[in-house]
Amino acid sequence: MAQCNALDSTYRAFMKNKLHLLQSTLSSVFHSNYFYNLMNLHHLLLAAHSEALHFSLNDRNLLGESTRLCIRQLQQNKWLHISPLIIWLYLSHKSNDW
């Protein structure tokens, strides 16, 4: 999320410069529906990952089977009673998880 915010702030600074706006112009101006309607990069990535997971889970071929298998393996590795898609007990991740 910090990387997304850094990219967002760099892009907003670039836009402010190109549009000849003051650097003190509120960022909410860019995200407002009435002006530029920029989407937050973190929200876009979250939506893209959610859509990809939804597509993978609904696939009836090899993609869907392998996705469901990975989810079952994750459930077993973490000793979860129910699917990690229903409830996820971990609020943060370690930097070396991937």
PDB file of N, CA and C in Angstrom:
ATOM      1  N   MET A   1       0.820  -1.185   0.000  1.00  0.00           N
ATOM      2  CA  MET A   1       0.000   0.000   0.000  1.00  0.00           C
ATOM      3  C   MET A   1       0.867   1.252   0.000  1.00  0.00           C
ATOM      4  N   ALA A   2       2.003   1.189   0.673  1.00  0.00           N
ATOM      5  CA  ALA A   2       2.893   2.344   0.721  1.00  0.00           C
ATOM      6  C   ALA A   2       3.442   2.660  -0.670  1.00  0.00           C
ATOM      7  N   GLN A   3       3.729   1.613  -1.448  1.00  0.00           N
ATOM      8  CA  GLN A   3       4.228   1.837  -2.801  1.00  0.00           C
ATOM      9  C   GLN A   3       3.151   2.459  -3.680  1.00  0.00           C
ATOM     10  N   CYS A   4       1.925   2.022  -3.516  1.00  0.00           N
ATOM     11  CA  CYS A   4       0.813   2.600  -4.288  1.00  0.00           C
ATOM     12  C   CYS A   4       0.620   4.065  -3.928  1.00  0.00           C
ATOM     13  N   ASN A   5       0.696   4.373  -2.638  1.00  0.00           N
ATOM     14  CA  ASN A   5       0.551   5.765  -2.214  1.00  0.00           C
ATOM     15  C   ASN A   5       1.683   6.627  -2.749  1.00  0.00           C
ATOM     16  N   ALA A   6       2.898   6.077  -2.794  1.00  0.00           N
ATOM     17  CA  ALA A   6       4.028   6.831  -3.334  1.00  0.00           C
ATOM     18  C   ALA A   6       3.827   7.111  -4.821  1.00  0.00           C
ATOM     19  N   LEU A   7       3.357   6.106  -5.560  1.00  0.00           N
ATOM     20  CA  LEU A   7       3.087   6.313  -6.986  1.00  0.00           C
ATOM     21  C   LEU A   7       1.949   7.303  -7.198  1.00  0.00           C
ATOM     22  N   ASP A   8       0.903   7.174  -6.379  1.00  0.00           N
ATOM     23  CA  ASP A   8      -0.226   8.105  -6.477  1.00  0.00           C
ATOM     24  C   ASP A   8       0.210   9.540  -6.216  1.00  0.00           C
ATOM     25  N   SER A   9       1.016   9.735  -5.182  1.00  0.00           N
ATOM     26  CA  SER A   9       1.435  11.102  -4.848  1.00  0.00           C
ATOM     27  C   SER A   9       2.346  11.675  -5.926  1.00  0.00           C
ATOM     28  N   THR A  10       3.191  10.840  -6.516  1.00  0.00           N
ATOM     29  CA  THR A  10       4.043  11.308  -7.609  1.00  0.00           C
ATOM     30  C   THR A  10       3.201  11.706  -8.813  1.00  0.00           C
ATOM     31  N   TYR A  11       2.206  10.900  -9.128  1.00  0.00           N
ATOM     32  CA  TYR A  11       1.337  11.205 -10.263  1.00  0.00           C
ATOM     33  C   TYR A  11       0.517  12.468 -10.010  1.00  0.00           C
ATOM     34  N   ARG A  12       0.010  12.626  -8.788  1.00  0.00           N
ATOM     35  CA  ARG A  12      -0.754  13.834  -8.467  1.00  0.00           C
ATOM     36  C   ARG A  12       0.126  15.075  -8.549  1.00  0.00           C
ATOM     37  N   ALA A  13       1.376  14.977  -8.100  1.00  0.00           N
ATOM     38  CA  ALA A  13       2.297  16.112  -8.200  1.00  0.00           C
ATOM     39  C   ALA A  13       2.560  16.456  -9.664  1.00  0.00           C
ATOM     40  N   PHE A  14       2.717  15.440 -10.495  1.00  0.00           N
ATOM     41  CA  PHE A  14       2.904  15.660 -11.925  1.00  0.00           C
ATOM     42  C   PHE A  14       1.687  16.356 -12.531  1.00  0.00           C
ATOM     43  N   MET A  15       0.489  15.874 -12.175  1.00  0.00           N
ATOM     44  CA  MET A  15      -0.747  16.476 -12.693  1.00  0.00           C
ATOM     45  C   MET A  15      -0.898  17.925 -12.232  1.00  0.00           C
ATOM     46  N   LYS A  16      -0.579  18.193 -10.969  1.00  0.00           N
ATOM     47  CA  LYS A  16      -0.665  19.561 -10.456  1.00  0.00           C
ATOM     48  C   LYS A  16       0.269  20.474 -11.233  1.00  0.00           C
ATOM     49  N   ASN A  17       1.450  19.978 -11.538  1.00  0.00           N
ATOM     50  CA  ASN A  17       2.426  20.777 -12.281  1.00  0.00           C
ATOM     51  C   ASN A  17       1.931  21.041 -13.698  1.00  0.00           C
ATOM     52  N   LYS A  18       1.446  20.015 -14.381  1.00  0.00           N
ATOM     53  CA  LYS A  18       0.987  20.169 -15.763  1.00  0.00           C
ATOM     54  C   LYS A  18      -0.261  21.037 -15.869  1.00  0.00           C
ATOM     55  N   LEU A  19      -1.115  20.995 -14.853  1.00  0.00           N
ATOM     56  CA  LEU A  19      -2.342  21.783 -14.868  1.00  0.00           C
ATOM     57  C   LEU A  19      -2.155  23.170 -14.257  1.00  0.00           C
ATOM     58  N   HIS A  20      -0.913  23.484 -13.883  1.00  0.00           N
ATOM     59  CA  HIS A  20      -0.568  24.777 -13.278  1.00  0.00           C
ATOM     60  C   HIS A  20      -1.383  25.036 -12.018  1.00  0.00           C
ATOM     61  N   LEU A  21      -1.538  23.996 -11.203  1.00  0.00           N
ATOM     62  CA  LEU A  21      -2.211  24.130  -9.919  1.00  0.00           C
ATOM     63  C   LEU A  21      -1.171  24.291  -8.824  1.00  0.00           C
ATOM     64  N   LEU A  22      -1.582  24.866  -7.722  1.00  0.00           N
ATOM     65  CA  LEU A  22      -0.683  24.997  -6.585  1.00  0.00           C
ATOM     66  C   LEU A  22      -0.382  23.621  -6.002  1.00  0.00           C
ATOM     67  N   GLN A  23       0.816  23.468  -5.457  1.00  0.00           N
ATOM     68  CA  GLN A  23       1.172  22.199  -4.823  1.00  0.00           C
ATOM     69  C   GLN A  23       0.308  21.933  -3.591  1.00  0.00           C
ATOM     70  N   SER A  24      -0.270  23.000  -3.033  1.00  0.00           N
ATOM     71  CA  SER A  24      -1.121  22.846  -1.849  1.00  0.00           C
ATOM     72  C   SER A  24      -2.561  22.471  -2.205  1.00  0.00           C
ATOM     73  N   THR A  25      -2.857  22.270  -3.488  1.00  0.00           N
ATOM     74  CA  THR A  25      -4.195  21.854  -3.905  1.00  0.00           C
ATOM     75  C   THR A  25      -4.509  20.492  -3.289  1.00  0.00           C
ATOM     76  N   LEU A  26      -5.696  20.363  -2.754  1.00  0.00           N
ATOM     77  CA  LEU A  26      -6.078  19.122  -2.079  1.00  0.00           C
ATOM     78  C   LEU A  26      -6.125  17.945  -3.056  1.00  0.00           C
ATOM     79  N   SER A  27      -5.689  16.807  -2.577  1.00  0.00           N
ATOM     80  CA  SER A  27      -5.705  15.597  -3.405  1.00  0.00           C
ATOM     81  C   SER A  27      -7.121  15.130  -3.685  1.00  0.00           C
ATOM     82  N   SER A  28      -8.043  15.488  -2.820  1.00  0.00           N
ATOM     83  CA  SER A  28      -9.429  15.062  -3.012  1.00  0.00           C
ATOM     84  C   SER A  28     -10.032  15.656  -4.283  1.00  0.00           C
ATOM     85  N   VAL A  29      -9.445  16.752  -4.778  1.00  0.00           N
ATOM     86  CA  VAL A  29      -9.913  17.348  -6.036  1.00  0.00           C
ATOM     87  C   VAL A  29      -9.733  16.351  -7.178  1.00  0.00           C
ATOM     88  N   PHE A  30      -8.639  15.635  -7.165  1.00  0.00           N
ATOM     89  CA  PHE A  30      -8.360  14.685  -8.242  1.00  0.00           C
ATOM     90  C   PHE A  30      -9.231  13.433  -8.145  1.00  0.00           C
ATOM     91  N   HIS A  31      -9.636  13.082  -6.934  1.00  0.00           N
ATOM     92  CA  HIS A  31     -10.428  11.867  -6.738  1.00  0.00           C
ATOM     93  C   HIS A  31     -11.930  12.132  -6.761  1.00  0.00           C
ATOM     94  N   SER A  32     -12.321  13.370  -6.847  1.00  0.00           N
ATOM     95  CA  SER A  32     -13.737  13.722  -6.838  1.00  0.00           C
ATOM     96  C   SER A  32     -14.401  13.349  -8.164  1.00  0.00           C
ATOM     97  N   ASN A  33     -15.650  12.931  -8.092  1.00  0.00           N
ATOM     98  CA  ASN A  33     -16.410  12.596  -9.304  1.00  0.00           C
ATOM     99  C   ASN A  33     -16.691  13.826 -10.150  1.00  0.00           C
ATOM    100  N   TYR A  34     -16.662  14.989  -9.542  1.00  0.00           N
ATOM    101  CA  TYR A  34     -17.001  16.216 -10.253  1.00  0.00           C
ATOM    102  C   TYR A  34     -15.816  16.810 -11.011  1.00  0.00           C
ATOM    103  N   PHE A  35     -14.605  16.361 -10.732  1.00  0.00           N
ATOM    104  CA  PHE A  35     -13.435  16.921 -11.399  1.00  0.00           C
ATOM    105  C   PHE A  35     -12.735  15.862 -12.248  1.00  0.00           C
ATOM    106  N   TYR A  36     -11.670  15.264 -11.754  1.00  0.00           N
ATOM    107  CA  TYR A  36     -10.866  14.358 -12.575  1.00  0.00           C
ATOM    108  C   TYR A  36     -11.200  12.888 -12.356  1.00  0.00           C
ATOM    109  N   ASN A  37     -11.827  12.559 -11.252  1.00  0.00           N
ATOM    110  CA  ASN A  37     -12.268  11.197 -10.949  1.00  0.00           C
ATOM    111  C   ASN A  37     -11.132  10.171 -11.063  1.00  0.00           C
ATOM    112  N   LEU A  38      -9.957  10.528 -10.545  1.00  0.00           N
ATOM    113  CA  LEU A  38      -8.847   9.582 -10.509  1.00  0.00           C
ATOM    114  C   LEU A  38      -9.138   8.503  -9.482  1.00  0.00           C
ATOM    115  N   MET A  39      -8.796   7.291  -9.810  1.00  0.00           N
ATOM    116  CA  MET A  39      -8.976   6.185  -8.875  1.00  0.00           C
ATOM    117  C   MET A  39      -7.678   5.977  -8.113  1.00  0.00           C
ATOM    118  N   ASN A  40      -7.799   5.611  -6.865  1.00  0.00           N
ATOM    119  CA  ASN A  40      -6.650   5.284  -6.047  1.00  0.00           C
ATOM    120  C   ASN A  40      -6.038   3.993  -6.592  1.00  0.00           C
ATOM    121  N   LEU A  41      -4.733   3.973  -6.770  1.00  0.00           N
ATOM    122  CA  LEU A  41      -4.059   2.812  -7.355  1.00  0.00           C
ATOM    123  C   LEU A  41      -4.263   1.562  -6.503  1.00  0.00           C
ATOM    124  N   HIS A  42      -4.219   1.718  -5.199  1.00  0.00           N
ATOM    125  CA  HIS A  42      -4.428   0.575  -4.309  1.00  0.00           C
ATOM    126  C   HIS A  42      -5.822  -0.017  -4.507  1.00  0.00           C
ATOM    127  N   HIS A  43      -6.835   0.827  -4.659  1.00  0.00           N
ATOM    128  CA  HIS A  43      -8.198   0.338  -4.877  1.00  0.00           C
ATOM    129  C   HIS A  43      -8.325  -0.358  -6.231  1.00  0.00           C
ATOM    130  N   LEU A  44      -7.647   0.174  -7.244  1.00  0.00           N
ATOM    131  CA  LEU A  44      -7.682  -0.464  -8.562  1.00  0.00           C
ATOM    132  C   LEU A  44      -7.033  -1.845  -8.536  1.00  0.00           C
ATOM    133  N   LEU A  45      -5.885  -1.948  -7.861  1.00  0.00           N
ATOM    134  CA  LEU A  45      -5.200  -3.239  -7.775  1.00  0.00           C
ATOM    135  C   LEU A  45      -6.019  -4.242  -6.968  1.00  0.00           C
ATOM    136  N   LEU A  46      -6.640  -3.774  -5.896  1.00  0.00           N
ATOM    137  CA  LEU A  46      -7.482  -4.654  -5.091  1.00  0.00           C
ATOM    138  C   LEU A  46      -8.668  -5.162  -5.903  1.00  0.00           C
ATOM    139  N   ALA A  47      -9.278  -4.285  -6.680  1.00  0.00           N
ATOM    140  CA  ALA A  47     -10.400  -4.692  -7.529  1.00  0.00           C
ATOM    141  C   ALA A  47      -9.943  -5.676  -8.606  1.00  0.00           C
ATOM    142  N   ALA A  48      -8.770  -5.444  -9.181  1.00  0.00           N
ATOM    143  CA  ALA A  48      -8.256  -6.342 -10.221  1.00  0.00           C
ATOM    144  C   ALA A  48      -7.955  -7.729  -9.652  1.00  0.00           C
ATOM    145  N   HIS A  49      -7.349  -7.782  -8.471  1.00  0.00           N
ATOM    146  CA  HIS A  49      -7.060  -9.074  -7.851  1.00  0.00           C
ATOM    147  C   HIS A  49      -8.346  -9.794  -7.458  1.00  0.00           C
ATOM    148  N   SER A  50      -9.315  -9.055  -6.967  1.00  0.00           N
ATOM    149  CA  SER A  50     -10.603  -9.664  -6.600  1.00  0.00           C
ATOM    150  C   SER A  50     -11.294 -10.245  -7.825  1.00  0.00           C
ATOM    151  N   GLU A  51     -11.257  -9.507  -8.923  1.00  0.00           N
ATOM    152  CA  GLU A  51     -11.874  -9.990 -10.158  1.00  0.00           C
ATOM    153  C   GLU A  51     -11.155 -11.230 -10.685  1.00  0.00           C
ATOM    154  N   ALA A  52      -9.824 -11.231 -10.601  1.00  0.00           N
ATOM    155  CA  ALA A  52      -9.060 -12.391 -11.068  1.00  0.00           C
ATOM    156  C   ALA A  52      -9.351 -13.621 -10.207  1.00  0.00           C
ATOM    157  N   LEU A  53      -9.454 -13.428  -8.894  1.00  0.00           N
ATOM    158  CA  LEU A  53      -9.781 -14.544  -8.009  1.00  0.00           C
ATOM    159  C   LEU A  53     -11.189 -15.059  -8.291  1.00  0.00           C
ATOM    160  N   HIS A  54     -12.117 -14.153  -8.491  1.00  0.00           N
ATOM    161  CA  HIS A  54     -13.502 -14.533  -8.811  1.00  0.00           C
ATOM    162  C   HIS A  54     -13.545 -15.333 -10.113  1.00  0.00           C
ATOM    163  N   PHE A  55     -12.816 -14.875 -11.117  1.00  0.00           N
ATOM    164  CA  PHE A  55     -12.753 -15.581 -12.401  1.00  0.00           C
ATOM    165  C   PHE A  55     -12.142 -16.970 -12.221  1.00  0.00           C
ATOM    166  N   SER A  56     -11.054 -17.035 -11.448  1.00  0.00           N
ATOM    167  CA  SER A  56     -10.369 -18.316 -11.239  1.00  0.00           C
ATOM    168  C   SER A  56     -11.247 -19.312 -10.497  1.00  0.00           C
ATOM    169  N   LEU A  57     -11.953 -18.835  -9.479  1.00  0.00           N
ATOM    170  CA  LEU A  57     -12.797 -19.741  -8.698  1.00  0.00           C
ATOM    171  C   LEU A  57     -13.983 -20.255  -9.498  1.00  0.00           C
ATOM    172  N   ASN A  58     -14.494 -19.453 -10.413  1.00  0.00           N
ATOM    173  CA  ASN A  58     -15.663 -19.854 -11.194  1.00  0.00           C
ATOM    174  C   ASN A  58     -15.307 -20.657 -12.442  1.00  0.00           C
ATOM    175  N   ASP A  59     -14.021 -20.787 -12.722  1.00  0.00           N
ATOM    176  CA  ASP A  59     -13.606 -21.557 -13.886  1.00  0.00           C
ATOM    177  C   ASP A  59     -13.836 -23.043 -13.621  1.00  0.00           C
ATOM    178  N   ARG A  60     -14.350 -23.761 -14.609  1.00  0.00           N
ATOM    179  CA  ARG A  60     -14.657 -25.184 -14.439  1.00  0.00           C
ATOM    180  C   ARG A  60     -13.531 -26.087 -14.952  1.00  0.00           C
ATOM    181  N   ASN A  61     -12.477 -25.501 -15.461  1.00  0.00           N
ATOM    182  CA  ASN A  61     -11.387 -26.290 -16.029  1.00  0.00           C
ATOM    183  C   ASN A  61     -10.204 -26.334 -15.069  1.00  0.00           C
ATOM    184  N   LEU A  62      -9.028 -26.484 -15.616  1.00  0.00           N
ATOM    185  CA  LEU A  62      -7.817 -26.649 -14.824  1.00  0.00           C
ATOM    186  C   LEU A  62      -7.536 -25.440 -13.934  1.00  0.00           C
ATOM    187  N   LEU A  63      -7.799 -24.241 -14.423  1.00  0.00           N
ATOM    188  CA  LEU A  63      -7.557 -23.037 -13.625  1.00  0.00           C
ATOM    189  C   LEU A  63      -8.382 -23.056 -12.342  1.00  0.00           C
ATOM    190  N   GLY A  64      -9.652 -23.367 -12.458  1.00  0.00           N
ATOM    191  CA  GLY A  64     -10.517 -23.412 -11.285  1.00  0.00           C
ATOM    192  C   GLY A  64     -10.127 -24.506 -10.311  1.00  0.00           C
ATOM    193  N   GLU A  65      -9.805 -25.672 -10.847  1.00  0.00           N
ATOM    194  CA  GLU A  65      -9.405 -26.787  -9.984  1.00  0.00           C
ATOM    195  C   GLU A  65      -8.126 -26.465  -9.229  1.00  0.00           C
ATOM    196  N   SER A  66      -7.141 -25.898  -9.919  1.00  0.00           N
ATOM    197  CA  SER A  66      -5.877 -25.584  -9.249  1.00  0.00           C
ATOM    198  C   SER A  66      -6.054 -24.457  -8.230  1.00  0.00           C
ATOM    199  N   THR A  67      -6.924 -23.510  -8.513  1.00  0.00           N
ATOM    200  CA  THR A  67      -7.183 -22.432  -7.555  1.00  0.00           C
ATOM    201  C   THR A  67      -7.835 -22.982  -6.297  1.00  0.00           C
ATOM    202  N   ARG A  68      -8.838 -23.829  -6.471  1.00  0.00           N
ATOM    203  CA  ARG A  68      -9.504 -24.417  -5.311  1.00  0.00           C
ATOM    204  C   ARG A  68      -8.554 -25.329  -4.528  1.00  0.00           C
ATOM    205  N   LEU A  69      -7.667 -26.025  -5.228  1.00  0.00           N
ATOM    206  CA  LEU A  69      -6.681 -26.865  -4.561  1.00  0.00           C
ATOM    207  C   LEU A  69      -5.727 -26.016  -3.720  1.00  0.00           C
ATOM    208  N   CYS A  70      -5.267 -24.913  -4.271  1.00  0.00           N
ATOM    209  CA  CYS A  70      -4.375 -24.017  -3.517  1.00  0.00           C
ATOM    210  C   CYS A  70      -5.062 -23.460  -2.280  1.00  0.00           C
ATOM    211  N   ILE A  71      -6.335 -23.146  -2.404  1.00  0.00           N
ATOM    212  CA  ILE A  71      -7.077 -22.618  -1.255  1.00  0.00           C
ATOM    213  C   ILE A  71      -7.236 -23.698  -0.188  1.00  0.00           C
ATOM    214  N   ARG A  72      -7.505 -24.945  -0.606  1.00  0.00           N
ATOM    215  CA  ARG A  72      -7.600 -26.045   0.361  1.00  0.00           C
ATOM    216  C   ARG A  72      -6.257 -26.294   1.043  1.00  0.00           C
ATOM    217  N   GLN A  73      -5.158 -26.202   0.283  1.00  0.00           N
ATOM    218  CA  GLN A  73      -3.838 -26.382   0.879  1.00  0.00           C
ATOM    219  C   GLN A  73      -3.528 -25.273   1.877  1.00  0.00           C
ATOM    220  N   LEU A  74      -3.898 -24.054   1.542  1.00  0.00           N
ATOM    221  CA  LEU A  74      -3.706 -22.940   2.469  1.00  0.00           C
ATOM    222  C   LEU A  74      -4.513 -23.166   3.742  1.00  0.00           C
ATOM    223  N   GLN A  75      -5.727 -23.643   3.591  1.00  0.00           N
ATOM    224  CA  GLN A  75      -6.583 -23.917   4.748  1.00  0.00           C
ATOM    225  C   GLN A  75      -5.948 -24.989   5.638  1.00  0.00           C
ATOM    226  N   GLN A  76      -5.403 -26.021   5.035  1.00  0.00           N
ATOM    227  CA  GLN A  76      -4.771 -27.078   5.822  1.00  0.00           C
ATOM    228  C   GLN A  76      -3.480 -26.601   6.464  1.00  0.00           C
ATOM    229  N   ASN A  77      -2.680 -25.836   5.736  1.00  0.00           N
ATOM    230  CA  ASN A  77      -1.407 -25.357   6.280  1.00  0.00           C
ATOM    231  C   ASN A  77      -1.601 -24.424   7.466  1.00  0.00           C
ATOM    232  N   LYS A  78      -2.669 -23.643   7.442  1.00  0.00           N
ATOM    233  CA  LYS A  78      -2.942 -22.692   8.525  1.00  0.00           C
ATOM    234  C   LYS A  78      -3.876 -23.268   9.584  1.00  0.00           C
ATOM    235  N   TRP A  79      -4.262 -24.527   9.435  1.00  0.00           N
ATOM    236  CA  TRP A  79      -5.139 -25.223  10.379  1.00  0.00           C
ATOM    237  C   TRP A  79      -6.445 -24.458  10.579  1.00  0.00           C
ATOM    238  N   LEU A  80      -7.043 -24.023   9.486  1.00  0.00           N
ATOM    239  CA  LEU A  80      -8.303 -23.279   9.553  1.00  0.00           C
ATOM    240  C   LEU A  80      -9.469 -24.248   9.445  1.00  0.00           C
ATOM    241  N   HIS A  81     -10.515 -24.002  10.212  1.00  0.00           N
ATOM    242  CA  HIS A  81     -11.694 -24.867  10.178  1.00  0.00           C
ATOM    243  C   HIS A  81     -12.566 -24.591   8.966  1.00  0.00           C
ATOM    244  N   ILE A  82     -12.532 -23.343   8.505  1.00  0.00           N
ATOM    245  CA  ILE A  82     -13.323 -22.969   7.337  1.00  0.00           C
ATOM    246  C   ILE A  82     -12.400 -22.350   6.300  1.00  0.00           C
ATOM    247  N   SER A  83     -12.926 -22.135   5.129  1.00  0.00           N
ATOM    248  CA  SER A  83     -12.138 -21.615   4.014  1.00  0.00           C
ATOM    249  C   SER A  83     -11.546 -20.239   4.346  1.00  0.00           C
ATOM    250  N   PRO A  84     -10.310 -19.982   3.944  1.00  0.00           N
ATOM    251  CA  PRO A  84      -9.723 -18.657   4.173  1.00  0.00           C
ATOM    252  C   PRO A  84     -10.417 -17.563   3.368  1.00  0.00           C
ATOM    253  N   LEU A  85     -11.241 -17.949   2.404  1.00  0.00           N
ATOM    254  CA  LEU A  85     -11.998 -16.948   1.663  1.00  0.00           C
ATOM    255  C   LEU A  85     -13.174 -16.422   2.477  1.00  0.00           C
ATOM    256  N   ILE A  86     -13.621 -17.193   3.440  1.00  0.00           N
ATOM    257  CA  ILE A  86     -14.742 -16.773   4.280  1.00  0.00           C
ATOM    258  C   ILE A  86     -14.252 -15.918   5.437  1.00  0.00           C
ATOM    259  N   ILE A  87     -13.217 -16.375   6.116  1.00  0.00           N
ATOM    260  CA  ILE A  87     -12.656 -15.597   7.220  1.00  0.00           C
ATOM    261  C   ILE A  87     -11.136 -15.737   7.189  1.00  0.00           C
ATOM    262  N   TRP A  88     -10.467 -14.627   7.344  1.00  0.00           N
ATOM    263  CA  TRP A  88      -9.008 -14.612   7.371  1.00  0.00           C
ATOM    264  C   TRP A  88      -8.585 -14.008   8.696  1.00  0.00           C
ATOM    265  N   LEU A  89      -7.884 -14.783   9.501  1.00  0.00           N
ATOM    266  CA  LEU A  89      -7.569 -14.382  10.864  1.00  0.00           C
ATOM    267  C   LEU A  89      -6.348 -13.482  10.970  1.00  0.00           C
ATOM    268  N   TYR A  90      -5.590 -13.359   9.913  1.00  0.00           N
ATOM    269  CA  TYR A  90      -4.358 -12.590   9.962  1.00  0.00           C
ATOM    270  C   TYR A  90      -4.599 -11.196   9.402  1.00  0.00           C
ATOM    271  N   LEU A  91      -4.245 -10.175  10.170  1.00  0.00           N
ATOM    272  CA  LEU A  91      -4.472  -8.802   9.727  1.00  0.00           C
ATOM    273  C   LEU A  91      -3.274  -8.227   8.989  1.00  0.00           C
ATOM    274  N   SER A  92      -2.112  -8.786   9.202  1.00  0.00           N
ATOM    275  CA  SER A  92      -0.919  -8.272   8.529  1.00  0.00           C
ATOM    276  C   SER A  92      -0.132  -9.452   7.970  1.00  0.00           C
ATOM    277  N   HIS A  93       0.839  -9.133   7.158  1.00  0.00           N
ATOM    278  CA  HIS A  93       1.679 -10.170   6.574  1.00  0.00           C
ATOM    279  C   HIS A  93       3.135  -9.839   6.843  1.00  0.00           C
ATOM    280  N   LYS A  94       3.958 -10.861   6.815  1.00  0.00           N
ATOM    281  CA  LYS A  94       5.392 -10.661   6.960  1.00  0.00           C
ATOM    282  C   LYS A  94       5.965 -10.310   5.598  1.00  0.00           C
ATOM    283  N   SER A  95       7.031  -9.554   5.595  1.00  0.00           N
ATOM    284  CA  SER A  95       7.601  -9.110   4.320  1.00  0.00           C
ATOM    285  C   SER A  95       8.190 -10.270   3.523  1.00  0.00           C
ATOM    286  N   ASN A  96       8.511 -11.377   4.175  1.00  0.00           N
ATOM    287  CA  ASN A  96       9.101 -12.509   3.451  1.00  0.00           C
ATOM    288  C   ASN A  96       8.078 -13.596   3.144  1.00  0.00           C
ATOM    289  N   ASP A  97       6.777 -13.268   3.203  1.00  0.00           N
ATOM    290  CA  ASP A  97       5.747 -14.255   2.894  1.00  0.00           C
ATOM    291  C   ASP A  97       5.767 -14.675   1.432  1.00  0.00           C
ATOM    292  N   TRP A  98       6.289 -13.869   0.583  1.00  0.00           N
ATOM    293  CA  TRP A  98       6.322 -14.219  -0.826  1.00  0.00           C
ATOM    294  C   TRP A  98       7.726 -14.195  -1.277  1.00  0.00           C
TER     295      TRP A  98
END
